[in-house]
Amino acid sequence: MKKVLIIDTTVLCCWIGVQRKETCGSDGDVWDKSRVDNQLKKEIEAGATLVLPLATIIETGNHIAQAPGQRYEHAQELAKLINQAADHSSPWAAFTDQSTLWNEKGLKDLAQEWPNLASSNISIGDATIKTVAEYYAQMGNHVEILTGDAGLKAYQPAVPISIPRRKRHRSHT
């Protein structure tokens, strides 16, 4: 089963080093650039595919634009990752794979689901990241949301149970 990592804004900001967003997570589970680098290196070596959701791109871009410094350098780094996803450069999944989520049905599904999520303090960005994760899980992938946000992590799809195939016994006649 292929592993897919959905990259959340919190982790992407750490990875890029956006000022005032260099760490994320809770006291017992802090992420920083070094931890993100090590985790992604390990996952890529194991054959994982990285996914860059549209919400992550927009939210990270907003944080970069509001950072006190190095906006141009961080914007260049984000632009590089966007290009890699757009070009489907390994280890990135093709960004266009997500396009079916934003058609008329996908948007109506989001409109239907989001008010309940909003009442539980789930942002619309996180709701769309949850949708992206579910999309890849429905394709039979083991999906992990790489995030420092415990609330979003709780919406990570369950790992599908692999049911072994039964061997057929041939009868000899």
Protein backbone atom coordinates (compact mmCIF):
# COMPACT_ATOMS: atom_id res chain seq x y z
CA MET A 1 0.00 0.00 0.00
CA LYS A 2 1.41 3.36 -1.05
CA LYS A 3 1.90 6.03 1.62
CA VAL A 4 0.74 9.56 0.91
CA LEU A 5 1.70 12.52 3.11
CA ILE A 6 -0.62 15.51 3.06
CA ILE A 7 1.48 18.56 3.96
CA ASP A 8 -0.31 21.03 6.24
CA THR A 9 0.43 24.74 6.56
CA THR A 10 1.93 24.40 10.04
CA VAL A 11 4.57 21.93 8.89
CA LEU A 12 5.24 23.69 5.57
CA CYS A 13 5.88 26.99 7.37
CA CYS A 14 8.38 25.20 9.66
CA TRP A 15 10.04 23.53 6.70
CA ILE A 16 10.43 26.79 4.80
CA GLY A 17 11.43 28.65 7.97
CA VAL A 18 8.77 31.36 7.87
CA GLN A 19 9.53 33.83 10.64
CA ARG A 20 7.27 33.46 13.69
CA LYS A 21 6.14 30.08 12.30
CA GLU A 22 9.44 28.20 12.78
CA THR A 23 7.84 25.69 15.14
CA CYS A 24 4.43 24.11 15.52
CA GLY A 25 2.70 21.47 17.56
CA SER A 26 2.04 20.95 21.22
CA ASP A 27 4.55 20.83 24.06
CA GLY A 28 4.91 17.06 23.77
CA ASP A 29 5.03 17.04 19.96
CA VAL A 30 6.98 20.07 18.69
CA TRP A 31 7.94 20.31 15.02
CA ASP A 32 10.81 22.43 13.70
CA LYS A 33 12.74 22.58 10.41
CA SER A 34 15.13 19.82 11.47
CA ARG A 35 12.34 17.45 12.46
CA VAL A 36 10.41 18.16 9.25
CA ASP A 37 13.56 17.65 7.13
CA ASN A 38 14.32 14.33 8.86
CA GLN A 39 10.75 13.06 8.65
CA LEU A 40 10.34 13.96 4.97
CA LYS A 41 13.72 12.48 4.06
CA LYS A 42 12.79 9.21 5.78
CA GLU A 43 9.34 9.10 4.14
CA ILE A 44 10.66 9.94 0.66
CA GLU A 45 13.34 7.25 0.93
CA ALA A 46 10.57 4.79 1.85
CA GLY A 47 8.67 5.75 -1.32
CA ALA A 48 6.03 8.11 0.07
CA THR A 49 4.30 10.63 -2.16
CA LEU A 50 3.91 14.23 -0.95
CA VAL A 51 0.71 16.20 -1.54
CA LEU A 52 0.49 19.98 -1.45
CA PRO A 53 -3.17 20.98 -0.94
CA LEU A 54 -4.41 24.30 -2.32
CA ALA A 55 -5.32 25.47 1.20
CA THR A 56 -1.74 24.85 2.33
CA ILE A 57 -0.40 26.90 -0.58
CA ILE A 58 -2.74 29.82 0.14
CA GLU A 59 -2.31 29.79 3.92
CA THR A 60 1.48 29.46 3.72
CA GLY A 61 1.60 32.27 1.17
CA ASN A 62 -0.41 34.46 3.53
CA HIS A 63 1.98 33.72 6.41
CA ILE A 64 4.98 34.51 4.19
CA ALA A 65 3.46 37.82 3.08
CA GLN A 66 2.79 38.79 6.71
CA ALA A 67 6.21 37.70 8.03
CA PRO A 68 8.50 40.44 9.38
CA GLY A 69 11.35 39.52 7.03
CA GLN A 70 12.72 37.25 4.31
CA ARG A 71 9.39 37.38 2.47
CA TYR A 72 11.01 37.23 -0.96
CA GLU A 73 13.29 34.29 -0.08
CA HIS A 74 10.47 32.30 1.51
CA ALA A 75 8.14 33.12 -1.38
CA GLN A 76 10.78 31.76 -3.77
CA GLU A 77 10.97 28.52 -1.75
CA LEU A 78 7.18 28.14 -1.78
CA ALA A 79 7.12 28.91 -5.51
CA LYS A 80 9.68 26.15 -6.08
CA LEU A 81 7.48 23.63 -4.25
CA ILE A 82 4.38 24.78 -6.15
CA ASN A 83 6.24 24.26 -9.44
CA GLN A 84 7.35 20.78 -8.38
CA ALA A 85 3.76 19.84 -7.51
CA ALA A 86 2.48 21.37 -10.75
CA ASP A 87 5.09 19.43 -12.73
CA HIS A 88 4.43 16.22 -10.76
CA SER A 89 8.15 16.07 -9.93
CA SER A 90 8.92 13.15 -7.65
CA PRO A 91 8.10 12.86 -4.77
CA TRP A 92 5.19 15.27 -5.34
CA ALA A 93 1.78 14.10 -6.47
CA ALA A 94 0.41 15.95 -9.46
CA PHE A 95 -1.46 18.98 -8.21
CA THR A 96 -4.11 18.37 -10.85
CA ASP A 97 -5.05 15.11 -9.07
CA GLN A 98 -7.00 17.30 -6.63
CA SER A 99 -8.99 19.13 -9.31
CA THR A 100 -11.95 16.76 -9.08
CA LEU A 101 -12.46 17.95 -5.51
CA TRP A 102 -13.18 21.50 -6.66
CA ASN A 103 -15.81 20.85 -9.31
CA GLU A 104 -19.49 21.73 -8.72
CA LYS A 105 -20.16 18.59 -6.67
CA GLY A 106 -16.99 18.98 -4.61
CA LEU A 107 -17.79 22.58 -3.74
CA LYS A 108 -21.38 21.70 -2.83
CA ASP A 109 -20.13 18.86 -0.63
CA LEU A 110 -17.80 21.33 1.12
CA ALA A 111 -20.65 23.82 1.56
CA GLN A 112 -22.77 21.05 3.09
CA GLU A 113 -20.08 19.74 5.47
CA TRP A 114 -18.24 22.86 6.54
CA PRO A 115 -20.80 24.55 8.82
CA ASN A 116 -20.69 21.54 11.17
CA LEU A 117 -16.90 21.56 11.07
CA ALA A 118 -16.81 25.34 11.66
CA SER A 119 -18.95 24.90 14.77
CA SER A 120 -16.16 22.59 16.02
CA ASN A 121 -13.47 25.25 15.29
CA ILE A 122 -12.28 23.59 12.06
CA SER A 123 -11.28 26.22 9.50
CA ILE A 124 -12.38 25.97 5.89
CA GLY A 125 -8.72 25.43 4.96
CA ASP A 126 -8.49 22.46 7.32
CA ALA A 127 -11.82 21.16 6.00
CA THR A 128 -10.39 21.11 2.48
CA ILE A 129 -7.18 19.43 3.68
CA LYS A 130 -9.36 16.78 5.34
CA THR A 131 -11.16 16.32 2.00
CA VAL A 132 -7.84 15.92 0.15
CA ALA A 133 -6.73 13.30 2.70
CA GLU A 134 -10.01 11.38 2.33
CA TYR A 135 -9.68 11.52 -1.47
CA TYR A 136 -6.27 9.82 -1.40
CA ALA A 137 -7.43 7.30 1.22
CA GLN A 138 -10.39 6.30 -0.98
CA MET A 139 -7.88 5.45 -3.71
CA GLY A 140 -6.45 2.80 -1.37
CA ASN A 141 -3.46 4.75 -0.04
CA HIS A 142 -2.18 4.88 3.51
CA VAL A 143 -2.65 8.60 4.20
CA GLU A 144 -1.00 10.70 6.88
CA ILE A 145 -1.66 14.39 7.45
CA LEU A 146 1.72 15.85 8.38
CA THR A 147 0.70 18.62 10.77
CA GLY A 148 1.43 20.18 14.10
CA ASP A 149 -2.30 20.78 14.59
CA ALA A 150 -3.80 18.03 16.78
CA GLY A 151 -7.33 19.07 15.75
CA LEU A 152 -6.57 18.51 12.06
CA LYS A 153 -4.57 15.36 12.79
CA ALA A 154 -7.70 13.88 14.39
CA TYR A 155 -9.33 13.93 10.93
CA GLN A 156 -6.58 11.79 9.40
CA PRO A 157 -8.19 8.82 7.60
CA ALA A 158 -7.85 5.46 9.29
CA VAL A 159 -5.33 3.10 7.79
CA PRO A 160 -7.21 0.60 5.62
CA ILE A 161 -6.96 -2.94 6.89
CA SER A 162 -5.12 -5.17 4.50
CA ILE A 163 -7.02 -8.41 4.14
CA PRO A 164 -4.80 -11.25 2.98
CA ARG A 165 -6.01 -13.18 -0.01
CA ARG A 166 -6.93 -16.74 0.65
CA LYS A 167 -5.05 -19.39 -1.18
CA ARG A 168 -7.13 -21.55 -3.37
CA HIS A 169 -6.64 -25.21 -2.93
CA ARG A 170 -6.91 -27.19 -6.10
CA SER A 171 -8.57 -30.49 -5.83
CA HIS A 172 -6.88 -33.29 -7.61
CA THR A 173 -9.24 -35.62 -9.38
